[in-house]
């Protein structure tokens, strides 16, 4: 039988009481300071630029049996709106990516174009120039309550048909020390640039 302490309380009960008190205090602190979601956002609009090339360099250097080499690519320009919903802490926007789920269930992911590549896309593909807006920058600090709007560019080696039949397309914004913001694009206005 366990010995009783000087005040007549069993030491096991004293230890369990102390542990319970700590759990209640920590739980109360977490409940009182929990901030809920710290960010919100949406994809406002998208532009899609399909690229289809058939290259032939002669029968000796062409594709199978001297045929043409076919290259299909798709550039997706996404305009996004992000808001910091926290009232106390800054958010540190770190990176952006997008994931497309193709008709066969496979996925492809791409990081948003860097600042330098962002400008080069509009030079290389002048048809996209009317779509150009200010890019969303990496490694920015959002103050509590701040909103940012910007543009991201993604590149996928898929056909326009695969894009049209996709199962989903999501844009993800990663923050340091916070959960990522995943934005779905179902129903987002999308134009195809020719």
N, C-alpha and C. Protein backbone atom coordinates (compact mmCIF):
# COMPACT_ATOMS: atom_id res chain seq x y z
N UNK A 1 0.84 -1.18 0.00
CA UNK A 1 0.00 0.00 0.00
C UNK A 1 0.89 1.24 0.00
N UNK A 2 0.51 2.25 -0.81
CA UNK A 2 1.31 3.45 -0.91
C UNK A 2 1.23 4.26 0.37
N UNK A 3 2.31 4.92 0.70
CA UNK A 3 2.34 5.74 1.91
C UNK A 3 1.64 7.05 1.65
N UNK A 4 1.12 7.60 2.70
CA UNK A 4 0.46 8.90 2.59
C UNK A 4 1.45 9.99 2.93
N UNK A 5 1.27 11.14 2.30
CA UNK A 5 2.15 12.26 2.61
C UNK A 5 1.75 12.86 3.94
N UNK A 6 2.49 13.85 4.38
CA UNK A 6 2.25 14.46 5.68
C UNK A 6 0.85 15.02 5.84
N UNK A 7 0.18 15.42 4.76
CA UNK A 7 -1.16 15.99 4.87
C UNK A 7 -2.25 14.94 4.66
N UNK A 8 -1.88 13.68 4.55
CA UNK A 8 -2.85 12.60 4.45
C UNK A 8 -3.31 12.28 3.04
N UNK A 9 -2.67 12.84 2.00
CA UNK A 9 -3.08 12.59 0.62
C UNK A 9 -2.11 11.58 0.01
N UNK A 10 -2.64 10.63 -0.69
CA UNK A 10 -1.84 9.61 -1.36
C UNK A 10 -0.96 10.31 -2.41
N UNK A 11 0.38 10.02 -2.51
CA UNK A 11 1.25 10.70 -3.48
C UNK A 11 0.85 10.46 -4.94
N UNK A 12 0.29 9.30 -5.24
CA UNK A 12 -0.14 9.02 -6.62
C UNK A 12 -1.27 9.97 -7.00
N UNK A 13 -2.19 10.20 -6.07
CA UNK A 13 -3.30 11.12 -6.35
C UNK A 13 -2.76 12.54 -6.50
N UNK A 14 -1.78 12.91 -5.72
CA UNK A 14 -1.17 14.25 -5.84
C UNK A 14 -0.54 14.44 -7.21
N UNK A 15 0.19 13.43 -7.68
CA UNK A 15 0.84 13.51 -9.00
C UNK A 15 -0.19 13.58 -10.11
N UNK A 16 -1.23 12.72 -10.03
CA UNK A 16 -2.29 12.75 -11.04
C UNK A 16 -3.01 14.09 -11.04
N UNK A 17 -3.24 14.66 -9.88
CA UNK A 17 -3.87 15.97 -9.78
C UNK A 17 -3.03 17.06 -10.42
N UNK A 18 -1.70 17.00 -10.19
CA UNK A 18 -0.80 17.99 -10.77
C UNK A 18 -0.77 17.86 -12.30
N UNK A 19 -0.74 16.63 -12.80
CA UNK A 19 -0.76 16.40 -14.25
C UNK A 19 -2.06 16.92 -14.85
N UNK A 20 -3.17 16.65 -14.21
CA UNK A 20 -4.47 17.13 -14.70
C UNK A 20 -4.51 18.66 -14.71
N UNK A 21 -3.97 19.29 -13.67
CA UNK A 21 -3.93 20.74 -13.61
C UNK A 21 -3.11 21.33 -14.77
N UNK A 22 -1.96 20.71 -15.09
CA UNK A 22 -1.13 21.17 -16.20
C UNK A 22 -1.88 21.01 -17.52
N UNK A 23 -2.54 19.87 -17.71
CA UNK A 23 -3.29 19.63 -18.95
C UNK A 23 -4.40 20.67 -19.11
N UNK A 24 -5.12 20.97 -18.05
CA UNK A 24 -6.19 21.95 -18.11
C UNK A 24 -5.64 23.34 -18.43
N UNK A 25 -4.50 23.70 -17.81
CA UNK A 25 -3.90 25.02 -18.08
C UNK A 25 -3.43 25.14 -19.53
N UNK A 26 -2.73 24.12 -20.03
CA UNK A 26 -2.25 24.15 -21.41
C UNK A 26 -3.42 24.17 -22.38
N UNK A 27 -4.42 23.34 -22.14
CA UNK A 27 -5.60 23.30 -23.00
C UNK A 27 -6.33 24.64 -23.01
N UNK A 28 -6.45 25.26 -21.83
CA UNK A 28 -7.10 26.57 -21.74
C UNK A 28 -6.33 27.63 -22.51
N UNK A 29 -5.00 27.59 -22.42
CA UNK A 29 -4.17 28.56 -23.15
C UNK A 29 -4.33 28.38 -24.66
N UNK A 30 -4.28 27.14 -25.12
CA UNK A 30 -4.43 26.87 -26.55
C UNK A 30 -5.81 27.32 -27.03
N UNK A 31 -6.84 27.01 -26.26
CA UNK A 31 -8.21 27.39 -26.65
C UNK A 31 -8.35 28.92 -26.70
N UNK A 32 -7.76 29.61 -25.73
CA UNK A 32 -7.88 31.07 -25.66
C UNK A 32 -7.09 31.79 -26.75
N UNK A 33 -5.99 31.19 -27.19
CA UNK A 33 -5.14 31.88 -28.17
C UNK A 33 -5.25 31.30 -29.58
N UNK A 34 -6.04 30.28 -29.80
CA UNK A 34 -6.15 29.69 -31.14
C UNK A 34 -6.72 30.72 -32.09
N UNK A 35 -6.05 30.89 -33.20
CA UNK A 35 -6.41 31.95 -34.13
C UNK A 35 -7.31 31.48 -35.25
N UNK A 36 -7.47 30.21 -35.45
CA UNK A 36 -8.25 29.72 -36.58
C UNK A 36 -7.43 29.87 -37.86
N UNK A 37 -8.09 29.84 -39.01
CA UNK A 37 -7.35 29.98 -40.27
C UNK A 37 -6.64 31.33 -40.33
N UNK A 38 -5.41 31.31 -40.80
CA UNK A 38 -4.61 32.55 -40.85
C UNK A 38 -4.56 33.16 -42.25
N UNK A 39 -5.15 32.47 -43.23
CA UNK A 39 -5.15 33.00 -44.59
C UNK A 39 -6.36 32.49 -45.36
N UNK A 40 -6.70 33.23 -46.38
CA UNK A 40 -7.77 32.85 -47.29
C UNK A 40 -7.36 33.33 -48.68
N UNK A 41 -7.92 32.72 -49.69
CA UNK A 41 -7.56 33.15 -51.03
C UNK A 41 -8.39 32.45 -52.08
N UNK A 42 -8.27 32.96 -53.28
CA UNK A 42 -8.98 32.34 -54.40
C UNK A 42 -8.27 32.67 -55.69
N UNK A 43 -8.47 31.79 -56.66
CA UNK A 43 -8.03 32.06 -58.03
C UNK A 43 -9.15 32.85 -58.68
N UNK A 44 -8.84 34.06 -59.11
CA UNK A 44 -9.85 34.97 -59.65
C UNK A 44 -10.16 34.64 -61.11
N UNK A 45 -9.12 34.39 -61.91
CA UNK A 45 -9.30 34.07 -63.32
C UNK A 45 -8.05 33.36 -63.84
N UNK A 46 -8.20 32.71 -64.99
CA UNK A 46 -7.07 32.01 -65.60
C UNK A 46 -7.09 32.21 -67.10
N UNK A 47 -5.90 32.16 -67.68
CA UNK A 47 -5.74 32.14 -69.13
C UNK A 47 -4.89 30.92 -69.48
N UNK A 48 -5.28 30.23 -70.52
CA UNK A 48 -4.58 29.01 -70.94
C UNK A 48 -4.06 29.22 -72.35
N UNK A 49 -2.78 28.90 -72.54
CA UNK A 49 -2.15 29.07 -73.85
C UNK A 49 -1.59 27.72 -74.30
N UNK A 50 -2.31 27.01 -75.18
CA UNK A 50 -1.80 25.73 -75.68
C UNK A 50 -0.76 25.93 -76.77
N UNK A 51 0.28 25.13 -76.73
CA UNK A 51 1.35 25.19 -77.73
C UNK A 51 1.47 23.82 -78.37
N UNK A 52 1.33 23.77 -79.68
CA UNK A 52 1.46 22.51 -80.43
C UNK A 52 2.47 22.74 -81.55
N UNK A 53 3.52 21.95 -81.53
CA UNK A 53 4.56 22.10 -82.56
C UNK A 53 4.82 20.74 -83.21
N UNK A 54 4.97 20.79 -84.51
CA UNK A 54 5.39 19.62 -85.26
C UNK A 54 6.68 20.00 -85.96
N UNK A 55 7.75 19.35 -85.56
CA UNK A 55 9.07 19.67 -86.10
C UNK A 55 9.56 18.52 -86.97
N UNK A 56 10.09 18.87 -88.10
CA UNK A 56 10.67 17.87 -88.98
C UNK A 56 12.04 18.38 -89.42
N UNK A 57 13.04 17.57 -89.22
CA UNK A 57 14.39 17.97 -89.58
C UNK A 57 14.96 17.09 -90.68
N UNK A 58 14.10 16.49 -91.45
CA UNK A 58 14.56 15.61 -92.53
C UNK A 58 14.37 14.16 -92.14
N UNK A 59 14.32 13.29 -93.12
CA UNK A 59 14.02 11.88 -92.86
C UNK A 59 15.08 11.21 -91.99
N UNK A 60 16.32 11.62 -92.09
CA UNK A 60 17.36 10.97 -91.31
C UNK A 60 17.35 11.41 -89.85
N UNK A 61 16.84 12.60 -89.58
CA UNK A 61 16.89 13.12 -88.22
C UNK A 61 15.51 13.29 -87.59
N UNK A 62 14.45 12.93 -88.28
CA UNK A 62 13.09 13.12 -87.78
C UNK A 62 12.73 12.12 -86.71
N UNK A 63 11.43 12.03 -86.43
CA UNK A 63 10.93 11.12 -85.42
C UNK A 63 10.99 9.70 -85.92
N UNK A 64 10.11 8.86 -85.43
CA UNK A 64 10.06 7.46 -85.81
C UNK A 64 9.87 7.36 -87.32
N UNK A 65 10.71 6.61 -87.95
CA UNK A 65 10.68 6.41 -89.41
C UNK A 65 10.72 7.73 -90.18
N UNK A 66 11.42 8.70 -89.66
CA UNK A 66 11.57 9.98 -90.36
C UNK A 66 10.36 10.88 -90.27
N UNK A 67 9.39 10.53 -89.42
CA UNK A 67 8.19 11.35 -89.26
C UNK A 67 8.48 12.60 -88.44
N UNK A 68 7.45 13.35 -88.19
CA UNK A 68 7.59 14.60 -87.45
C UNK A 68 7.68 14.33 -85.95
N UNK A 69 8.43 15.18 -85.25
CA UNK A 69 8.43 15.18 -83.80
C UNK A 69 7.34 16.15 -83.34
N UNK A 70 6.46 15.70 -82.47
CA UNK A 70 5.34 16.51 -82.01
C UNK A 70 5.58 16.90 -80.55
N UNK A 71 5.42 18.19 -80.27
CA UNK A 71 5.58 18.72 -78.92
C UNK A 71 4.31 19.46 -78.53
N UNK A 72 3.74 19.06 -77.40
CA UNK A 72 2.57 19.75 -76.86
C UNK A 72 2.90 20.28 -75.47
N UNK A 73 2.53 21.53 -75.24
CA UNK A 73 2.76 22.18 -73.95
C UNK A 73 1.55 23.05 -73.65
N UNK A 74 1.42 23.41 -72.39
CA UNK A 74 0.34 24.29 -71.99
C UNK A 74 0.87 25.27 -70.95
N UNK A 75 0.62 26.54 -71.17
CA UNK A 75 0.98 27.57 -70.20
C UNK A 75 -0.31 28.03 -69.54
N UNK A 76 -0.32 28.04 -68.21
CA UNK A 76 -1.48 28.48 -67.45
C UNK A 76 -1.09 29.74 -66.69
N UNK A 77 -1.84 30.81 -66.90
CA UNK A 77 -1.64 32.08 -66.20
C UNK A 77 -2.79 32.22 -65.21
N UNK A 78 -2.47 32.25 -63.92
CA UNK A 78 -3.50 32.32 -62.88
C UNK A 78 -3.40 33.65 -62.13
N UNK A 79 -4.52 34.33 -62.02
CA UNK A 79 -4.61 35.56 -61.24
C UNK A 79 -5.22 35.21 -59.89
N UNK A 80 -4.53 35.56 -58.80
CA UNK A 80 -4.97 35.15 -57.47
C UNK A 80 -5.13 36.34 -56.54
N UNK A 81 -5.95 36.12 -55.51
CA UNK A 81 -6.19 37.09 -54.45
C UNK A 81 -5.97 36.34 -53.13
N UNK A 82 -5.06 36.86 -52.28
CA UNK A 82 -4.74 36.21 -51.01
C UNK A 82 -4.90 37.24 -49.90
N UNK A 83 -5.48 36.78 -48.78
CA UNK A 83 -5.68 37.66 -47.64
C UNK A 83 -5.15 37.01 -46.38
N UNK A 84 -4.43 37.81 -45.58
CA UNK A 84 -4.01 37.38 -44.25
C UNK A 84 -5.19 37.63 -43.31
N UNK A 85 -5.70 36.58 -42.68
CA UNK A 85 -6.86 36.73 -41.79
C UNK A 85 -6.44 36.77 -40.33
N UNK A 86 -5.15 36.72 -40.06
CA UNK A 86 -4.67 36.79 -38.69
C UNK A 86 -4.69 38.24 -38.21
N UNK A 87 -4.89 38.42 -36.91
CA UNK A 87 -4.92 39.76 -36.35
C UNK A 87 -3.63 40.13 -35.63
N UNK A 88 -2.73 39.13 -35.46
CA UNK A 88 -1.54 39.39 -34.65
C UNK A 88 -0.22 39.12 -35.35
N UNK A 89 -0.18 38.06 -36.15
CA UNK A 89 1.10 37.61 -36.68
C UNK A 89 1.25 37.90 -38.17
N UNK A 90 2.46 38.21 -38.61
CA UNK A 90 2.70 38.34 -40.06
C UNK A 90 2.75 36.96 -40.70
N UNK A 91 2.48 36.90 -41.97
CA UNK A 91 2.61 35.66 -42.75
C UNK A 91 3.78 35.82 -43.70
N UNK A 92 4.53 34.75 -43.87
CA UNK A 92 5.70 34.77 -44.74
C UNK A 92 5.42 33.88 -45.95
N UNK A 93 5.04 34.51 -47.07
CA UNK A 93 4.74 33.77 -48.29
C UNK A 93 6.05 33.27 -48.87
N UNK A 94 6.13 31.95 -49.05
CA UNK A 94 7.40 31.35 -49.45
C UNK A 94 7.45 30.91 -50.90
N UNK A 95 6.44 30.17 -51.36
CA UNK A 95 6.50 29.61 -52.71
C UNK A 95 5.10 29.33 -53.22
N UNK A 96 5.00 29.10 -54.54
CA UNK A 96 3.73 28.81 -55.18
C UNK A 96 3.91 27.66 -56.16
N UNK A 97 2.88 26.82 -56.25
CA UNK A 97 2.91 25.71 -57.20
C UNK A 97 1.48 25.41 -57.65
N UNK A 98 1.39 24.58 -58.67
CA UNK A 98 0.08 24.15 -59.16
C UNK A 98 0.15 22.67 -59.49
N UNK A 99 -0.99 22.01 -59.34
CA UNK A 99 -1.08 20.58 -59.63
C UNK A 99 -2.29 20.35 -60.52
N UNK A 100 -2.07 19.64 -61.62
CA UNK A 100 -3.17 19.26 -62.50
C UNK A 100 -3.33 17.75 -62.41
N UNK A 101 -4.57 17.31 -62.23
CA UNK A 101 -4.88 15.87 -62.24
C UNK A 101 -5.48 15.56 -63.59
N UNK A 102 -4.80 14.71 -64.33
CA UNK A 102 -5.17 14.40 -65.71
C UNK A 102 -6.30 13.37 -65.77
N UNK A 103 -6.90 13.16 -66.95
CA UNK A 103 -8.03 12.24 -67.07
C UNK A 103 -7.72 10.82 -66.58
N UNK A 104 -6.47 10.37 -66.71
CA UNK A 104 -6.12 9.02 -66.28
C UNK A 104 -5.82 8.94 -64.78
N UNK A 105 -5.97 10.06 -64.06
CA UNK A 105 -5.72 10.08 -62.62
C UNK A 105 -4.30 10.45 -62.23
N UNK A 106 -3.39 10.52 -63.19
CA UNK A 106 -2.02 10.91 -62.88
C UNK A 106 -1.98 12.42 -62.62
N UNK A 107 -0.96 12.85 -61.89
CA UNK A 107 -0.84 14.28 -61.58
C UNK A 107 0.49 14.81 -62.08
N UNK A 108 0.48 16.10 -62.37
CA UNK A 108 1.70 16.82 -62.71
C UNK A 108 1.72 18.09 -61.89
N UNK A 109 2.89 18.41 -61.38
CA UNK A 109 3.04 19.61 -60.55
C UNK A 109 4.11 20.50 -61.16
N UNK A 110 3.93 21.82 -61.00
CA UNK A 110 4.90 22.78 -61.49
C UNK A 110 5.00 23.94 -60.52
N UNK A 111 6.21 24.43 -60.30
CA UNK A 111 6.41 25.64 -59.51
C UNK A 111 6.10 26.85 -60.37
N UNK A 112 5.59 27.90 -59.76
CA UNK A 112 5.32 29.13 -60.50
C UNK A 112 6.61 29.68 -61.06
N UNK A 113 6.51 30.34 -62.21
CA UNK A 113 7.69 30.92 -62.86
C UNK A 113 8.36 31.93 -61.93
N UNK A 114 9.68 31.95 -61.98
CA UNK A 114 10.44 32.91 -61.18
C UNK A 114 10.22 34.32 -61.73
N UNK A 115 10.70 35.31 -61.01
CA UNK A 115 10.54 36.70 -61.45
C UNK A 115 11.16 36.91 -62.84
N UNK A 116 12.35 36.38 -63.07
CA UNK A 116 13.01 36.55 -64.37
C UNK A 116 12.26 35.80 -65.47
N UNK A 117 11.86 34.56 -65.19
CA UNK A 117 11.14 33.78 -66.19
C UNK A 117 9.76 34.35 -66.48
N UNK A 118 9.16 34.97 -65.49
CA UNK A 118 7.84 35.57 -65.66
C UNK A 118 7.85 36.55 -66.84
N UNK A 119 8.82 37.44 -66.87
CA UNK A 119 8.91 38.43 -67.96
C UNK A 119 9.21 37.75 -69.29
N UNK A 120 10.06 36.73 -69.26
CA UNK A 120 10.46 36.05 -70.50
C UNK A 120 9.29 35.35 -71.19
N UNK A 121 8.32 34.87 -70.40
CA UNK A 121 7.17 34.19 -70.99
C UNK A 121 6.41 35.13 -71.92
N UNK A 122 6.22 36.37 -71.49
CA UNK A 122 5.44 37.32 -72.30
C UNK A 122 6.23 37.81 -73.52
N UNK A 123 7.55 37.73 -73.45
CA UNK A 123 8.38 38.06 -74.61
C UNK A 123 8.34 36.91 -75.61
N UNK A 124 8.47 35.69 -75.10
CA UNK A 124 8.50 34.51 -75.97
C UNK A 124 7.13 34.23 -76.61
N UNK A 125 6.07 34.56 -75.91
CA UNK A 125 4.71 34.30 -76.40
C UNK A 125 3.91 35.60 -76.38
N UNK A 126 4.08 36.44 -77.40
CA UNK A 126 3.44 37.76 -77.41
C UNK A 126 1.91 37.70 -77.35
N UNK A 127 1.32 36.58 -77.75
CA UNK A 127 -0.14 36.47 -77.68
C UNK A 127 -0.63 36.54 -76.23
N UNK A 128 0.23 36.23 -75.29
CA UNK A 128 -0.14 36.29 -73.87
C UNK A 128 -0.02 37.70 -73.28
N UNK A 129 0.64 38.61 -73.99
CA UNK A 129 0.92 39.95 -73.45
C UNK A 129 -0.33 40.67 -72.93
N UNK A 130 -1.49 40.59 -73.60
CA UNK A 130 -2.67 41.29 -73.05
C UNK A 130 -3.13 40.74 -71.70
N UNK A 131 -2.70 39.54 -71.36
CA UNK A 131 -3.10 38.92 -70.09
C UNK A 131 -2.19 39.34 -68.93
N UNK A 132 -1.06 39.97 -69.22
CA UNK A 132 -0.05 40.24 -68.20
C UNK A 132 -0.51 41.23 -67.13
N UNK A 133 -0.26 40.84 -65.88
CA UNK A 133 -0.49 41.69 -64.71
C UNK A 133 0.75 41.59 -63.82
N UNK A 134 0.74 42.24 -62.71
CA UNK A 134 1.88 42.19 -61.78
C UNK A 134 2.00 40.78 -61.19
N UNK A 135 3.23 40.25 -61.15
CA UNK A 135 3.41 38.90 -60.61
C UNK A 135 3.26 38.87 -59.08
N UNK A 136 2.84 37.74 -58.56
CA UNK A 136 2.86 37.52 -57.11
C UNK A 136 4.28 37.13 -56.75
N UNK A 137 4.88 37.87 -55.85
CA UNK A 137 6.29 37.66 -55.52
C UNK A 137 6.46 36.59 -54.44
N UNK A 138 7.56 35.87 -54.53
CA UNK A 138 7.95 34.93 -53.48
C UNK A 138 8.61 35.70 -52.34
N UNK A 139 8.66 35.05 -51.19
CA UNK A 139 9.39 35.55 -50.02
C UNK A 139 8.96 36.96 -49.62
N UNK A 140 7.65 37.17 -49.58
CA UNK A 140 7.15 38.44 -49.08
C UNK A 140 6.55 38.23 -47.70
N UNK A 141 6.47 39.29 -46.92
CA UNK A 141 5.85 39.25 -45.61
C UNK A 141 4.53 39.99 -45.69
N UNK A 142 3.46 39.30 -45.31
CA UNK A 142 2.13 39.90 -45.29
C UNK A 142 1.82 40.32 -43.86
N UNK A 143 1.47 41.56 -43.67
CA UNK A 143 1.10 42.04 -42.34
C UNK A 143 -0.31 41.55 -42.01
N UNK A 144 -0.67 41.51 -40.73
CA UNK A 144 -2.02 41.07 -40.36
C UNK A 144 -3.10 41.86 -41.10
N UNK A 145 -4.02 41.13 -41.73
CA UNK A 145 -5.11 41.76 -42.46
C UNK A 145 -4.79 42.19 -43.88
N UNK A 146 -3.54 42.10 -44.29
CA UNK A 146 -3.14 42.55 -45.63
C UNK A 146 -3.67 41.62 -46.71
N UNK A 147 -3.98 42.20 -47.87
CA UNK A 147 -4.34 41.41 -49.04
C UNK A 147 -3.32 41.66 -50.14
N UNK A 148 -3.07 40.64 -50.95
CA UNK A 148 -2.19 40.78 -52.10
C UNK A 148 -2.88 40.15 -53.31
N UNK A 149 -2.69 40.78 -54.44
CA UNK A 149 -3.18 40.26 -55.71
C UNK A 149 -1.98 40.11 -56.61
N UNK A 150 -1.96 39.05 -57.38
CA UNK A 150 -0.84 38.85 -58.29
C UNK A 150 -1.10 37.73 -59.26
N UNK A 151 -0.14 37.55 -60.12
CA UNK A 151 -0.27 36.58 -61.20
C UNK A 151 0.83 35.53 -61.08
N UNK A 152 0.48 34.31 -61.41
CA UNK A 152 1.43 33.19 -61.44
C UNK A 152 1.36 32.52 -62.81
N UNK A 153 2.49 32.00 -63.26
CA UNK A 153 2.55 31.30 -64.54
C UNK A 153 3.06 29.89 -64.31
N UNK A 154 2.36 28.92 -64.89
CA UNK A 154 2.74 27.51 -64.77
C UNK A 154 2.86 26.90 -66.17
N UNK A 155 3.69 25.87 -66.26
CA UNK A 155 3.96 25.21 -67.55
C UNK A 155 3.78 23.71 -67.37
N UNK A 156 3.00 23.11 -68.24
CA UNK A 156 2.78 21.66 -68.19
C UNK A 156 2.97 21.06 -69.57
N UNK A 157 3.68 19.94 -69.67
CA UNK A 157 3.86 19.27 -70.97
C UNK A 157 2.67 18.36 -71.29
N UNK A 158 1.51 18.99 -71.48
CA UNK A 158 0.29 18.25 -71.78
C UNK A 158 -0.41 18.90 -72.97
N UNK A 159 -1.37 18.18 -73.54
CA UNK A 159 -2.14 18.70 -74.68
C UNK A 159 -3.33 19.52 -74.18
N UNK A 160 -3.89 20.30 -75.06
CA UNK A 160 -5.09 21.07 -74.72
C UNK A 160 -6.24 20.11 -74.40
N UNK A 161 -6.28 18.99 -75.10
CA UNK A 161 -7.33 18.00 -74.84
C UNK A 161 -7.20 17.44 -73.42
N UNK A 162 -5.98 17.13 -72.99
CA UNK A 162 -5.79 16.66 -71.62
C UNK A 162 -6.23 17.72 -70.62
N UNK A 163 -5.93 18.98 -70.90
CA UNK A 163 -6.35 20.07 -70.01
C UNK A 163 -7.87 20.14 -69.94
N UNK A 164 -8.52 20.10 -71.10
CA UNK A 164 -9.97 20.21 -71.14
C UNK A 164 -10.65 19.06 -70.40
N UNK A 165 -10.01 17.90 -70.35
CA UNK A 165 -10.58 16.73 -69.70
C UNK A 165 -10.02 16.49 -68.29
N UNK A 166 -9.26 17.45 -67.77
CA UNK A 166 -8.64 17.28 -66.45
C UNK A 166 -9.68 17.00 -65.38
N UNK A 167 -9.24 16.30 -64.34
CA UNK A 167 -10.12 16.05 -63.20
C UNK A 167 -10.10 17.23 -62.24
N UNK A 168 -8.94 17.85 -62.09
CA UNK A 168 -8.86 19.02 -61.19
C UNK A 168 -7.60 19.82 -61.49
N UNK A 169 -7.60 21.05 -61.01
CA UNK A 169 -6.43 21.93 -61.09
C UNK A 169 -6.44 22.76 -59.82
N UNK A 170 -5.36 22.70 -59.04
CA UNK A 170 -5.27 23.46 -57.81
C UNK A 170 -4.00 24.30 -57.80
N UNK A 171 -4.09 25.46 -57.16
CA UNK A 171 -2.95 26.34 -56.97
C UNK A 171 -2.66 26.37 -55.48
N UNK A 172 -1.40 26.14 -55.12
CA UNK A 172 -1.00 26.08 -53.71
C UNK A 172 0.00 27.18 -53.41
N UNK A 173 -0.25 27.91 -52.34
CA UNK A 173 0.67 28.93 -51.86
C UNK A 173 1.21 28.44 -50.52
N UNK A 174 2.53 28.34 -50.42
CA UNK A 174 3.16 27.86 -49.19
C UNK A 174 3.65 29.03 -48.35
N UNK A 175 3.43 28.91 -47.05
CA UNK A 175 3.86 29.91 -46.08
C UNK A 175 4.83 29.25 -45.11
N UNK A 176 5.79 30.01 -44.62
CA UNK A 176 6.67 29.50 -43.58
C UNK A 176 5.88 29.43 -42.27
N UNK A 177 6.01 28.34 -41.56
CA UNK A 177 5.42 28.13 -40.23
C UNK A 177 3.89 28.08 -40.23
N UNK A 178 3.27 27.93 -41.39
CA UNK A 178 1.81 27.84 -41.47
C UNK A 178 1.44 26.76 -42.48
N UNK A 179 0.21 26.29 -42.41
CA UNK A 179 -0.27 25.34 -43.41
C UNK A 179 -0.36 26.03 -44.76
N UNK A 180 -0.21 25.27 -45.84
CA UNK A 180 -0.32 25.89 -47.17
C UNK A 180 -1.77 26.28 -47.46
N UNK A 181 -1.93 27.23 -48.35
CA UNK A 181 -3.24 27.65 -48.84
C UNK A 181 -3.45 26.95 -50.18
N UNK A 182 -4.45 26.08 -50.25
CA UNK A 182 -4.75 25.33 -51.48
C UNK A 182 -6.03 25.90 -52.07
N UNK A 183 -5.92 26.41 -53.29
CA UNK A 183 -7.07 27.05 -53.95
C UNK A 183 -7.53 26.20 -55.13
N UNK A 184 -8.78 25.78 -55.09
CA UNK A 184 -9.36 25.01 -56.19
C UNK A 184 -9.82 25.97 -57.28
N UNK A 185 -9.92 25.45 -58.49
CA UNK A 185 -10.22 26.33 -59.62
C UNK A 185 -11.51 25.96 -60.35
N UNK A 186 -12.28 25.03 -59.82
CA UNK A 186 -13.53 24.68 -60.47
C UNK A 186 -14.42 25.91 -60.54
N UNK A 187 -14.92 26.22 -61.72
CA UNK A 187 -15.82 27.35 -61.91
C UNK A 187 -15.12 28.68 -62.10
N UNK A 188 -13.79 28.71 -62.08
CA UNK A 188 -13.06 29.96 -62.26
C UNK A 188 -13.11 30.36 -63.74
N UNK A 189 -13.41 31.61 -64.05
CA UNK A 189 -13.43 32.05 -65.46
C UNK A 189 -12.06 31.80 -66.13
N UNK A 190 -12.10 31.11 -67.27
CA UNK A 190 -10.88 30.75 -67.97
C UNK A 190 -11.01 31.09 -69.45
N UNK A 191 -9.98 31.76 -69.98
CA UNK A 191 -9.96 32.04 -71.41
C UNK A 191 -8.84 31.25 -72.05
N UNK A 192 -9.05 30.86 -73.30
CA UNK A 192 -8.01 30.19 -74.07
C UNK A 192 -7.42 31.21 -75.03
N UNK A 193 -6.12 31.41 -74.94
CA UNK A 193 -5.43 32.37 -75.79
C UNK A 193 -4.94 31.63 -77.03
N UNK A 194 -5.21 32.20 -78.19
CA UNK A 194 -4.78 31.56 -79.44
C UNK A 194 -3.62 32.29 -80.03
